[in-house]
N, C-alpha and C. Protein backbone atom coordinates (compact mmCIF):
# COMPACT_ATOMS: atom_id res chain seq x y z
N MET A 1 45.22 -54.82 -15.17
CA MET A 1 43.93 -54.46 -15.73
C MET A 1 43.35 -53.22 -15.45
N VAL A 2 43.37 -52.70 -14.16
CA VAL A 2 42.84 -51.35 -13.69
C VAL A 2 43.74 -50.32 -14.53
N TYR A 3 45.06 -50.59 -14.55
CA TYR A 3 45.94 -49.56 -15.15
C TYR A 3 45.37 -49.44 -16.76
N TYR A 4 45.27 -50.61 -17.38
CA TYR A 4 44.64 -50.53 -18.77
C TYR A 4 43.73 -49.61 -19.08
N LYS A 5 42.82 -49.94 -18.18
CA LYS A 5 41.23 -49.35 -18.32
C LYS A 5 41.41 -47.75 -18.03
N LEU A 6 42.42 -47.48 -17.12
CA LEU A 6 42.59 -46.10 -16.67
C LEU A 6 43.30 -45.16 -17.87
N GLU A 7 44.30 -46.12 -18.51
CA GLU A 7 45.00 -45.65 -19.60
C GLU A 7 44.09 -45.25 -20.51
N LYS A 8 42.91 -45.91 -21.13
CA LYS A 8 42.15 -45.83 -21.96
C LYS A 8 41.47 -44.32 -21.69
N VAL A 9 40.82 -44.07 -20.54
CA VAL A 9 40.28 -42.68 -20.06
C VAL A 9 41.36 -41.61 -20.27
N MET A 10 42.60 -41.95 -19.87
CA MET A 10 43.58 -40.75 -20.02
C MET A 10 43.87 -40.30 -21.34
N LYS A 11 44.04 -41.42 -22.18
CA LYS A 11 44.04 -41.08 -23.49
C LYS A 11 42.94 -40.35 -24.26
N MET A 12 41.67 -40.69 -23.81
CA MET A 12 40.66 -40.15 -24.31
C MET A 12 40.48 -38.51 -23.87
N ARG A 13 40.83 -38.46 -22.47
CA ARG A 13 40.95 -37.13 -21.82
C ARG A 13 41.94 -36.24 -22.69
N GLU A 14 43.08 -37.00 -22.98
CA GLU A 14 44.06 -36.03 -23.46
C GLU A 14 43.83 -35.57 -25.08
N GLU A 15 42.95 -36.45 -25.57
CA GLU A 15 42.51 -36.04 -26.97
C GLU A 15 41.47 -34.99 -26.78
N ASP A 16 40.41 -34.99 -25.74
CA ASP A 16 39.89 -33.68 -25.52
C ASP A 16 40.43 -32.57 -25.00
N ASN A 17 41.68 -32.65 -24.32
CA ASN A 17 42.24 -31.77 -23.71
C ASN A 17 41.65 -31.30 -22.58
N VAL A 18 40.95 -32.26 -21.87
CA VAL A 18 40.35 -32.11 -20.72
C VAL A 18 41.18 -32.65 -19.35
N PRO A 19 41.82 -31.94 -18.44
CA PRO A 19 42.63 -32.43 -17.43
C PRO A 19 41.94 -33.14 -16.28
N LEU A 20 40.77 -32.91 -16.11
CA LEU A 20 40.04 -33.51 -15.06
C LEU A 20 38.96 -34.53 -15.31
N ILE A 21 38.97 -35.56 -14.47
CA ILE A 21 37.72 -36.65 -14.73
C ILE A 21 36.92 -36.66 -13.60
N SER A 22 35.81 -37.25 -13.66
CA SER A 22 34.88 -37.08 -12.64
C SER A 22 34.92 -38.39 -11.70
N VAL A 23 34.06 -38.45 -10.72
CA VAL A 23 33.88 -39.67 -9.78
C VAL A 23 33.58 -41.01 -10.67
N GLU A 24 32.57 -40.60 -11.53
CA GLU A 24 31.84 -41.57 -12.37
C GLU A 24 32.75 -42.28 -13.29
N GLU A 25 33.66 -41.37 -14.04
CA GLU A 25 34.59 -41.79 -14.74
C GLU A 25 35.79 -42.57 -14.30
N LEU A 26 36.22 -41.98 -13.11
CA LEU A 26 37.39 -42.82 -12.31
C LEU A 26 36.90 -44.25 -12.03
N ALA A 27 35.73 -44.17 -11.40
CA ALA A 27 35.21 -45.38 -10.92
C ALA A 27 34.92 -46.48 -12.18
N HIS A 28 34.25 -45.96 -13.03
CA HIS A 28 34.15 -46.89 -14.26
C HIS A 28 35.35 -47.41 -14.70
N TYR A 29 36.32 -46.65 -15.00
CA TYR A 29 37.62 -47.14 -15.45
C TYR A 29 38.31 -47.85 -14.52
N LEU A 30 38.25 -47.83 -13.34
CA LEU A 30 39.12 -48.63 -12.26
C LEU A 30 38.28 -49.80 -11.92
N GLY A 31 37.07 -49.81 -12.57
CA GLY A 31 36.35 -51.11 -12.37
C GLY A 31 35.67 -51.23 -10.69
N LEU A 32 35.46 -49.93 -10.26
CA LEU A 32 35.14 -49.72 -9.10
C LEU A 32 33.61 -49.12 -8.67
N ARG A 33 32.90 -49.22 -7.57
CA ARG A 33 31.72 -48.49 -7.36
C ARG A 33 31.86 -46.97 -7.01
N ARG A 34 31.03 -46.10 -7.46
CA ARG A 34 31.43 -44.83 -7.23
C ARG A 34 31.56 -44.62 -5.86
N GLN A 35 30.99 -45.27 -4.85
CA GLN A 35 31.12 -45.20 -3.52
C GLN A 35 32.46 -45.54 -2.79
N THR A 36 32.96 -46.39 -3.61
CA THR A 36 34.44 -46.85 -3.20
C THR A 36 35.37 -45.65 -3.29
N ILE A 37 35.06 -45.07 -4.29
CA ILE A 37 35.76 -43.70 -4.73
C ILE A 37 35.79 -42.53 -3.54
N TYR A 38 34.24 -42.40 -3.20
CA TYR A 38 33.96 -41.52 -2.20
C TYR A 38 34.57 -41.92 -0.73
N ASN A 39 34.74 -43.24 -0.67
CA ASN A 39 35.29 -43.79 0.67
C ASN A 39 36.85 -43.57 0.55
N TRP A 40 37.31 -43.61 -0.36
CA TRP A 40 38.84 -43.52 -0.62
C TRP A 40 38.98 -41.98 -0.36
N LEU A 41 38.28 -40.95 -1.02
CA LEU A 41 38.49 -39.67 -0.56
C LEU A 41 38.22 -39.21 1.00
N HIS A 42 37.40 -39.78 1.68
CA HIS A 42 37.03 -39.55 2.93
C HIS A 42 38.34 -40.19 3.69
N LYS A 43 38.71 -41.29 3.38
CA LYS A 43 40.03 -41.98 3.98
C LYS A 43 41.26 -41.40 3.56
N LYS A 44 41.32 -40.31 2.59
CA LYS A 44 42.57 -39.67 1.85
C LYS A 44 43.65 -40.79 1.39
N LYS A 45 42.62 -41.82 0.73
CA LYS A 45 43.88 -42.77 -0.07
C LYS A 45 43.91 -42.11 -1.47
N ILE A 46 43.07 -41.13 -1.84
CA ILE A 46 43.10 -40.53 -3.13
C ILE A 46 42.81 -39.06 -2.95
N SER A 47 43.44 -38.42 -3.84
CA SER A 47 43.00 -36.83 -3.62
C SER A 47 42.42 -36.50 -5.08
N GLY A 48 41.60 -35.45 -4.43
CA GLY A 48 40.60 -34.85 -5.46
C GLY A 48 40.40 -33.47 -5.21
N MET A 49 39.55 -32.73 -6.04
CA MET A 49 39.10 -31.25 -5.91
C MET A 49 37.68 -31.39 -6.05
N LYS A 50 36.98 -30.55 -4.95
CA LYS A 50 35.63 -30.27 -5.10
C LYS A 50 35.28 -29.00 -5.78
N ILE A 51 34.77 -29.13 -6.77
CA ILE A 51 34.35 -27.66 -7.46
C ILE A 51 32.81 -27.75 -7.42
N GLY A 52 32.50 -26.78 -6.46
CA GLY A 52 30.76 -26.75 -6.17
C GLY A 52 30.60 -27.83 -5.41
N LYS A 53 29.42 -28.55 -5.84
CA LYS A 53 29.20 -30.00 -5.26
C LYS A 53 29.63 -31.25 -5.72
N VAL A 54 30.79 -31.09 -6.94
CA VAL A 54 31.12 -32.06 -7.69
C VAL A 54 32.62 -32.12 -7.51
N TRP A 55 32.95 -33.51 -7.25
CA TRP A 55 34.51 -33.96 -7.13
C TRP A 55 35.09 -34.26 -8.50
N ARG A 56 36.12 -33.73 -8.80
CA ARG A 56 37.14 -33.83 -9.85
C ARG A 56 38.62 -34.28 -9.56
N PHE A 57 38.93 -35.11 -10.50
CA PHE A 57 40.29 -35.75 -10.33
C PHE A 57 41.14 -35.08 -11.18
N ASP A 58 42.35 -34.79 -10.92
CA ASP A 58 43.38 -34.38 -12.05
C ASP A 58 44.08 -35.60 -12.55
N ARG A 59 43.90 -35.62 -13.81
CA ARG A 59 44.51 -36.85 -14.64
C ARG A 59 45.73 -37.12 -14.38
N LYS A 60 46.70 -36.15 -14.29
CA LYS A 60 48.25 -36.39 -13.97
C LYS A 60 48.33 -36.89 -12.41
N GLU A 61 47.70 -36.42 -11.64
CA GLU A 61 47.64 -36.73 -10.31
C GLU A 61 47.34 -38.07 -10.05
N ILE A 62 46.22 -38.59 -10.82
CA ILE A 62 45.71 -40.06 -10.81
C ILE A 62 46.94 -40.91 -11.25
N GLU A 63 47.75 -40.44 -12.32
CA GLU A 63 48.66 -41.22 -12.83
C GLU A 63 49.90 -41.47 -11.59
N LYS A 64 50.15 -40.29 -11.12
CA LYS A 64 51.13 -40.43 -10.14
C LYS A 64 50.60 -41.35 -8.95
N TRP A 65 49.30 -41.53 -8.56
CA TRP A 65 48.65 -42.11 -7.38
C TRP A 65 48.95 -43.54 -7.91
N LEU A 66 48.74 -43.79 -9.24
CA LEU A 66 48.95 -45.44 -9.57
C LEU A 66 50.15 -45.69 -9.86
N ASP A 67 51.19 -44.84 -10.08
CA ASP A 67 52.70 -45.31 -10.06
C ASP A 67 53.08 -45.86 -8.57
N LYS A 68 52.58 -44.89 -7.47
CA LYS A 68 52.98 -45.21 -6.23
C LYS A 68 52.23 -46.35 -5.74
N CYS A 69 50.85 -46.52 -6.12
CA CYS A 69 50.24 -47.71 -5.09
C CYS A 69 49.98 -48.98 -6.16
N CYS A 70 50.13 -48.90 -7.39
CA CYS A 70 49.85 -49.95 -8.14
C CYS A 70 51.13 -50.75 -9.03
N ILE A 71 50.96 -51.85 -9.19
CA ILE A 71 52.03 -52.58 -10.00
C ILE A 71 51.47 -52.30 -11.47
N ARG A 72 52.59 -51.97 -12.45
CA ARG A 72 52.10 -51.78 -13.72
C ARG A 72 52.75 -52.97 -14.66
C-alpha cells in the first residue's frame, strides 16, 4: 500500500520533471505524519537534503530506500 501511494507521487513528479519531493508530499503518500519523516531524518533512517530551511527528498533515492527496506 505504501509503495502504491508512493508510486503515484513518483509518476506525478516524473510528468512534471521535478526530481525532488517535500516532507509533506512524502508523508502524505506514505500515509505518515510529517513528524515521523522528521524523526526518521534525525535517526538517519531516511536521507534527504536541506535546501535553506526546507527538507527535500530525491525521488530516485526514495525508490532505492523503498527497495532496501520494504517488500514490494
